Amino acid sequence: MAIHQKHEIVCCERCQSAFECKANSFTKCQCTQVQLTLNETQYVSELYDGCLCASCLLELQKEYRDILTAK
């Protein structure tokens, strides 16, 4: 009997940690814990193509904000 898995286990493109991607139910996905502005989202998308874990999203958000304050 096959086990039906509702969500996919993926590796974070940045840190390689495994997490459950809930793209088909994105309001429950761990990445929605990080509220990115449009500019922050664009910054992340310029660096990475795939899914990122919430920890990496938070780090990239901080990195982007640090860049802005350094200007």
PDB file of N, CA and C in Angstrom:
ATOM      1  N   MET A   1       0.843  -1.186   0.000  1.00  0.00           N
ATOM      2  CA  MET A   1       0.000   0.000   0.000  1.00  0.00           C
ATOM      3  C   MET A   1       0.881   1.240   0.000  1.00  0.00           C
ATOM      4  N   ALA A   2       0.655   2.128  -0.920  1.00  0.00           N
ATOM      5  CA  ALA A   2       1.449   3.352  -1.038  1.00  0.00           C
ATOM      6  C   ALA A   2       0.980   4.378  -0.005  1.00  0.00           C
ATOM      7  N   ILE A   3       1.946   5.102   0.523  1.00  0.00           N
ATOM      8  CA  ILE A   3       1.633   6.183   1.468  1.00  0.00           C
ATOM      9  C   ILE A   3       1.467   7.465   0.675  1.00  0.00           C
ATOM     10  N   HIS A   4       0.342   8.113   0.852  1.00  0.00           N
ATOM     11  CA  HIS A   4       0.072   9.373   0.163  1.00  0.00           C
ATOM     12  C   HIS A   4       0.661  10.516   0.985  1.00  0.00           C
ATOM     13  N   GLN A   5       1.629  11.209   0.412  1.00  0.00           N
ATOM     14  CA  GLN A   5       2.246  12.339   1.093  1.00  0.00           C
ATOM     15  C   GLN A   5       1.657  13.618   0.511  1.00  0.00           C
ATOM     16  N   LYS A   6       1.055  14.423   1.377  1.00  0.00           N
ATOM     17  CA  LYS A   6       0.360  15.622   0.931  1.00  0.00           C
ATOM     18  C   LYS A   6       1.331  16.728   0.528  1.00  0.00           C
ATOM     19  N   HIS A   7       2.462  16.813   1.211  1.00  0.00           N
ATOM     20  CA  HIS A   7       3.426  17.868   0.957  1.00  0.00           C
ATOM     21  C   HIS A   7       4.785  17.271   0.634  1.00  0.00           C
ATOM     22  N   GLU A   8       5.596  18.047  -0.021  1.00  0.00           N
ATOM     23  CA  GLU A   8       6.901  17.582  -0.467  1.00  0.00           C
ATOM     24  C   GLU A   8       7.991  17.978   0.533  1.00  0.00           C
ATOM     25  N   ILE A   9       8.918  17.069   0.782  1.00  0.00           N
ATOM     26  CA  ILE A   9      10.094  17.384   1.585  1.00  0.00           C
ATOM     27  C   ILE A   9      11.156  17.897   0.613  1.00  0.00           C
ATOM     28  N   VAL A  10      11.622  19.122   0.841  1.00  0.00           N
ATOM     29  CA  VAL A  10      12.625  19.735  -0.028  1.00  0.00           C
ATOM     30  C   VAL A  10      13.812  20.192   0.817  1.00  0.00           C
ATOM     31  N   CYS A  11      14.903  20.470   0.156  1.00  0.00           N
ATOM     32  CA  CYS A  11      16.077  21.029   0.826  1.00  0.00           C
ATOM     33  C   CYS A  11      16.140  22.520   0.525  1.00  0.00           C
ATOM     34  N   CYS A  12      16.421  23.282   1.544  1.00  0.00           N
ATOM     35  CA  CYS A  12      16.596  24.715   1.377  1.00  0.00           C
ATOM     36  C   CYS A  12      17.756  24.944   0.416  1.00  0.00           C
ATOM     37  N   GLU A  13      17.538  25.763  -0.570  1.00  0.00           N
ATOM     38  CA  GLU A  13      18.567  26.021  -1.568  1.00  0.00           C
ATOM     39  C   GLU A  13      19.791  26.708  -0.954  1.00  0.00           C
ATOM     40  N   ARG A  14      19.609  27.417   0.133  1.00  0.00           N
ATOM     41  CA  ARG A  14      20.704  28.168   0.751  1.00  0.00           C
ATOM     42  C   ARG A  14      21.490  27.345   1.768  1.00  0.00           C
ATOM     43  N   CYS A  15      20.809  26.696   2.716  1.00  0.00           N
ATOM     44  CA  CYS A  15      21.500  25.994   3.806  1.00  0.00           C
ATOM     45  C   CYS A  15      21.425  24.468   3.695  1.00  0.00           C
ATOM     46  N   GLN A  16      20.654  23.977   2.756  1.00  0.00           N
ATOM     47  CA  GLN A  16      20.495  22.539   2.492  1.00  0.00           C
ATOM     48  C   GLN A  16      19.728  21.785   3.577  1.00  0.00           C
ATOM     49  N   SER A  17      19.096  22.477   4.526  1.00  0.00           N
ATOM     50  CA  SER A  17      18.290  21.773   5.527  1.00  0.00           C
ATOM     51  C   SER A  17      16.974  21.322   4.898  1.00  0.00           C
ATOM     52  N   ALA A  18      16.491  20.176   5.331  1.00  0.00           N
ATOM     53  CA  ALA A  18      15.246  19.626   4.800  1.00  0.00           C
ATOM     54  C   ALA A  18      14.058  20.213   5.551  1.00  0.00           C
ATOM     55  N   PHE A  19      13.003  20.515   4.807  1.00  0.00           N
ATOM     56  CA  PHE A  19      11.767  20.983   5.422  1.00  0.00           C
ATOM     57  C   PHE A  19      10.589  20.609   4.536  1.00  0.00           C
ATOM     58  N   GLU A  20       9.410  20.659   5.116  1.00  0.00           N
ATOM     59  CA  GLU A  20       8.195  20.305   4.387  1.00  0.00           C
ATOM     60  C   GLU A  20       7.655  21.526   3.658  1.00  0.00           C
ATOM     61  N   CYS A  21       7.656  21.459   2.337  1.00  0.00           N
ATOM     62  CA  CYS A  21       7.134  22.541   1.502  1.00  0.00           C
ATOM     63  C   CYS A  21       5.628  22.319   1.324  1.00  0.00           C
ATOM     64  N   LYS A  22       4.870  23.330   1.641  1.00  0.00           N
ATOM     65  CA  LYS A  22       3.411  23.221   1.512  1.00  0.00           C
ATOM     66  C   LYS A  22       2.912  24.204   0.458  1.00  0.00           C
ATOM     67  N   ALA A  23       3.562  24.205  -0.692  1.00  0.00           N
ATOM     68  CA  ALA A  23       3.208  25.124  -1.766  1.00  0.00           C
ATOM     69  C   ALA A  23       1.751  24.974  -2.195  1.00  0.00           C
ATOM     70  N   ASN A  24       1.216  23.764  -2.091  1.00  0.00           N
ATOM     71  CA  ASN A  24      -0.189  23.546  -2.462  1.00  0.00           C
ATOM     72  C   ASN A  24      -1.145  24.005  -1.358  1.00  0.00           C
ATOM     73  N   SER A  25      -0.589  24.416  -0.223  1.00  0.00           N
ATOM     74  CA  SER A  25      -1.371  24.967   0.886  1.00  0.00           C
ATOM     75  C   SER A  25      -0.517  26.053   1.545  1.00  0.00           C
ATOM     76  N   PHE A  26      -0.142  27.050   0.718  1.00  0.00           N
ATOM     77  CA  PHE A  26       0.892  27.993   1.113  1.00  0.00           C
ATOM     78  C   PHE A  26       0.588  28.787   2.379  1.00  0.00           C
ATOM     79  N   THR A  27      -0.657  28.912   2.765  1.00  0.00           N
ATOM     80  CA  THR A  27      -0.959  29.647   3.998  1.00  0.00           C
ATOM     81  C   THR A  27      -0.502  28.879   5.233  1.00  0.00           C
ATOM     82  N   LYS A  28      -0.228  27.591   5.068  1.00  0.00           N
ATOM     83  CA  LYS A  28       0.254  26.756   6.173  1.00  0.00           C
ATOM     84  C   LYS A  28       1.754  26.483   6.070  1.00  0.00           C
ATOM     85  N   CYS A  29       2.402  26.993   5.028  1.00  0.00           N
ATOM     86  CA  CYS A  29       3.820  26.729   4.809  1.00  0.00           C
ATOM     87  C   CYS A  29       4.670  27.553   5.771  1.00  0.00           C
ATOM     88  N   GLN A  30       5.796  27.007   6.176  1.00  0.00           N
ATOM     89  CA  GLN A  30       6.676  27.669   7.137  1.00  0.00           C
ATOM     90  C   GLN A  30       7.203  28.997   6.599  1.00  0.00           C
ATOM     91  N   CYS A  31       7.300  29.145   5.304  1.00  0.00           N
ATOM     92  CA  CYS A  31       7.846  30.386   4.741  1.00  0.00           C
ATOM     93  C   CYS A  31       6.920  31.582   4.951  1.00  0.00           C
ATOM     94  N   THR A  32       5.630  31.331   5.181  1.00  0.00           N
ATOM     95  CA  THR A  32       4.710  32.449   5.395  1.00  0.00           C
ATOM     96  C   THR A  32       4.900  33.109   6.757  1.00  0.00           C
ATOM     97  N   GLN A  33       5.737  32.507   7.612  1.00  0.00           N
ATOM     98  CA  GLN A  33       6.060  33.117   8.901  1.00  0.00           C
ATOM     99  C   GLN A  33       6.898  34.376   8.715  1.00  0.00           C
ATOM    100  N   VAL A  34       7.554  34.495   7.571  1.00  0.00           N
ATOM    101  CA  VAL A  34       8.434  35.624   7.284  1.00  0.00           C
ATOM    102  C   VAL A  34       7.714  36.573   6.332  1.00  0.00           C
ATOM    103  N   GLN A  35       7.422  37.758   6.808  1.00  0.00           N
ATOM    104  CA  GLN A  35       6.719  38.744   6.000  1.00  0.00           C
ATOM    105  C   GLN A  35       7.740  39.628   5.286  1.00  0.00           C
ATOM    106  N   LEU A  36       7.927  39.375   3.998  1.00  0.00           N
ATOM    107  CA  LEU A  36       8.886  40.133   3.203  1.00  0.00           C
ATOM    108  C   LEU A  36       8.186  41.246   2.445  1.00  0.00           C
ATOM    109  N   THR A  37       8.854  42.392   2.342  1.00  0.00           N
ATOM    110  CA  THR A  37       8.341  43.465   1.497  1.00  0.00           C
ATOM    111  C   THR A  37       8.576  43.071   0.040  1.00  0.00           C
ATOM    112  N   LEU A  38       8.020  43.823  -0.873  1.00  0.00           N
ATOM    113  CA  LEU A  38       8.223  43.553  -2.294  1.00  0.00           C
ATOM    114  C   LEU A  38       9.709  43.634  -2.649  1.00  0.00           C
ATOM    115  N   ASN A  39      10.412  44.640  -2.126  1.00  0.00           N
ATOM    116  CA  ASN A  39      11.842  44.787  -2.405  1.00  0.00           C
ATOM    117  C   ASN A  39      12.659  43.645  -1.809  1.00  0.00           C
ATOM    118  N   GLU A  40      12.287  43.192  -0.624  1.00  0.00           N
ATOM    119  CA  GLU A  40      12.977  42.053  -0.001  1.00  0.00           C
ATOM    120  C   GLU A  40      12.746  40.777  -0.803  1.00  0.00           C
ATOM    121  N   THR A  41      11.533  40.590  -1.276  1.00  0.00           N
ATOM    122  CA  THR A  41      11.208  39.426  -2.106  1.00  0.00           C
ATOM    123  C   THR A  41      12.024  39.447  -3.387  1.00  0.00           C
ATOM    124  N   GLN A  42      12.144  40.608  -3.995  1.00  0.00           N
ATOM    125  CA  GLN A  42      12.930  40.739  -5.217  1.00  0.00           C
ATOM    126  C   GLN A  42      14.404  40.429  -4.946  1.00  0.00           C
ATOM    127  N   TYR A  43      14.930  40.914  -3.827  1.00  0.00           N
ATOM    128  CA  TYR A  43      16.317  40.646  -3.448  1.00  0.00           C
ATOM    129  C   TYR A  43      16.560  39.141  -3.326  1.00  0.00           C
ATOM    130  N   VAL A  44      15.670  38.454  -2.627  1.00  0.00           N
ATOM    131  CA  VAL A  44      15.807  37.004  -2.447  1.00  0.00           C
ATOM    132  C   VAL A  44      15.710  36.290  -3.794  1.00  0.00           C
ATOM    133  N   SER A  45      14.772  36.701  -4.624  1.00  0.00           N
ATOM    134  CA  SER A  45      14.579  36.015  -5.911  1.00  0.00           C
ATOM    135  C   SER A  45      15.738  36.247  -6.871  1.00  0.00           C
ATOM    136  N   GLU A  46      16.491  37.325  -6.678  1.00  0.00           N
ATOM    137  CA  GLU A  46      17.679  37.552  -7.501  1.00  0.00           C
ATOM    138  C   GLU A  46      18.824  36.624  -7.096  1.00  0.00           C
ATOM    139  N   LEU A  47      18.794  36.135  -5.865  1.00  0.00           N
ATOM    140  CA  LEU A  47      19.854  35.269  -5.357  1.00  0.00           C
ATOM    141  C   LEU A  47      19.526  33.778  -5.481  1.00  0.00           C
ATOM    142  N   TYR A  48      18.251  33.416  -5.357  1.00  0.00           N
ATOM    143  CA  TYR A  48      17.845  32.008  -5.301  1.00  0.00           C
ATOM    144  C   TYR A  48      16.606  31.774  -6.155  1.00  0.00           C
ATOM    145  N   ASP A  49      16.523  30.573  -6.713  1.00  0.00           N
ATOM    146  CA  ASP A  49      15.382  30.199  -7.543  1.00  0.00           C
ATOM    147  C   ASP A  49      14.399  29.292  -6.814  1.00  0.00           C
ATOM    148  N   GLY A  50      14.909  28.478  -5.884  1.00  0.00           N
ATOM    149  CA  GLY A  50      14.074  27.485  -5.232  1.00  0.00           C
ATOM    150  C   GLY A  50      13.548  27.926  -3.887  1.00  0.00           C
ATOM    151  N   CYS A  51      12.974  26.951  -3.184  1.00  0.00           N
ATOM    152  CA  CYS A  51      12.417  27.194  -1.856  1.00  0.00           C
ATOM    153  C   CYS A  51      13.525  27.422  -0.835  1.00  0.00           C
ATOM    154  N   LEU A  52      13.234  28.291   0.119  1.00  0.00           N
ATOM    155  CA  LEU A  52      14.144  28.567   1.223  1.00  0.00           C
ATOM    156  C   LEU A  52      13.396  28.340   2.531  1.00  0.00           C
ATOM    157  N   CYS A  53      14.139  27.885   3.541  1.00  0.00           N
ATOM    158  CA  CYS A  53      13.527  27.706   4.855  1.00  0.00           C
ATOM    159  C   CYS A  53      13.297  29.072   5.508  1.00  0.00           C
ATOM    160  N   ALA A  54      12.453  29.099   6.510  1.00  0.00           N
ATOM    161  CA  ALA A  54      12.117  30.347   7.196  1.00  0.00           C
ATOM    162  C   ALA A  54      13.357  30.990   7.818  1.00  0.00           C
ATOM    163  N   SER A  55      14.264  30.193   8.345  1.00  0.00           N
ATOM    164  CA  SER A  55      15.484  30.736   8.954  1.00  0.00           C
ATOM    165  C   SER A  55      16.322  31.497   7.935  1.00  0.00           C
ATOM    166  N   CYS A  56      16.478  30.927   6.766  1.00  0.00           N
ATOM    167  CA  CYS A  56      17.247  31.598   5.718  1.00  0.00           C
ATOM    168  C   CYS A  56      16.528  32.840   5.213  1.00  0.00           C
ATOM    169  N   LEU A  57      15.215  32.770   5.112  1.00  0.00           N
ATOM    170  CA  LEU A  57      14.465  33.955   4.698  1.00  0.00           C
ATOM    171  C   LEU A  57      14.660  35.102   5.693  1.00  0.00           C
ATOM    172  N   LEU A  58      14.649  34.776   6.975  1.00  0.00           N
ATOM    173  CA  LEU A  58      14.881  35.800   7.998  1.00  0.00           C
ATOM    174  C   LEU A  58      16.292  36.376   7.897  1.00  0.00           C
ATOM    175  N   GLU A  59      17.269  35.518   7.660  1.00  0.00           N
ATOM    176  CA  GLU A  59      18.652  35.982   7.526  1.00  0.00           C
ATOM    177  C   GLU A  59      18.814  36.874   6.296  1.00  0.00           C
ATOM    178  N   LEU A  60      18.190  36.505   5.193  1.00  0.00           N
ATOM    179  CA  LEU A  60      18.273  37.307   3.978  1.00  0.00           C
ATOM    180  C   LEU A  60      17.534  38.635   4.128  1.00  0.00           C
ATOM    181  N   GLN A  61      16.435  38.611   4.860  1.00  0.00           N
ATOM    182  CA  GLN A  61      15.712  39.850   5.136  1.00  0.00           C
ATOM    183  C   GLN A  61      16.609  40.805   5.925  1.00  0.00           C
ATOM    184  N   LYS A  62      17.287  40.277   6.943  1.00  0.00           N
ATOM    185  CA  LYS A  62      18.201  41.090   7.737  1.00  0.00           C
ATOM    186  C   LYS A  62      19.359  41.591   6.881  1.00  0.00           C
ATOM    187  N   GLU A  63      19.903  40.715   6.042  1.00  0.00           N
ATOM    188  CA  GLU A  63      20.996  41.092   5.142  1.00  0.00           C
ATOM    189  C   GLU A  63      20.578  42.253   4.248  1.00  0.00           C
ATOM    190  N   TYR A  64      19.384  42.168   3.673  1.00  0.00           N
ATOM    191  CA  TYR A  64      18.877  43.225   2.799  1.00  0.00           C
ATOM    192  C   TYR A  64      18.713  44.531   3.576  1.00  0.00           C
ATOM    193  N   ARG A  65      18.154  44.446   4.769  1.00  0.00           N
ATOM    194  CA  ARG A  65      17.952  45.650   5.576  1.00  0.00           C
ATOM    195  C   ARG A  65      19.279  46.259   6.015  1.00  0.00           C
ATOM    196  N   ASP A  66      20.279  45.414   6.275  1.00  0.00           N
ATOM    197  CA  ASP A  66      21.624  45.910   6.620  1.00  0.00           C
ATOM    198  C   ASP A  66      22.244  46.649   5.442  1.00  0.00           C
ATOM    199  N   ILE A  67      22.028  46.136   4.245  1.00  0.00           N
ATOM    200  CA  ILE A  67      22.528  46.803   3.032  1.00  0.00           C
ATOM    201  C   ILE A  67      21.904  48.193   2.906  1.00  0.00           C
ATOM    202  N   LEU A  68      20.619  48.289   3.169  1.00  0.00           N
ATOM    203  CA  LEU A  68      19.925  49.573   3.053  1.00  0.00           C
ATOM    204  C   LEU A  68      20.445  50.587   4.082  1.00  0.00           C
ATOM    205  N   THR A  69      20.678  50.132   5.290  1.00  0.00           N
ATOM    206  CA  THR A  69      21.145  51.062   6.333  1.00  0.00           C
ATOM    207  C   THR A  69      22.597  51.444   6.140  1.00  0.00           C
ATOM    208  N   ALA A  70      23.362  50.639   5.400  1.00  0.00           N
ATOM    209  CA  ALA A  70      24.767  50.949   5.154  1.00  0.00           C
ATOM    210  C   ALA A  70      24.931  52.009   4.073  1.00  0.00           C
ATOM    211  N   LYS A  71      23.888  52.249   3.313  1.00  0.00           N
ATOM    212  CA  LYS A  71      23.955  53.242   2.212  1.00  0.00           C
ATOM    213  C   LYS A  71      23.878  54.644   2.742  1.00  0.00           C
TER     214      LYS A  71
END
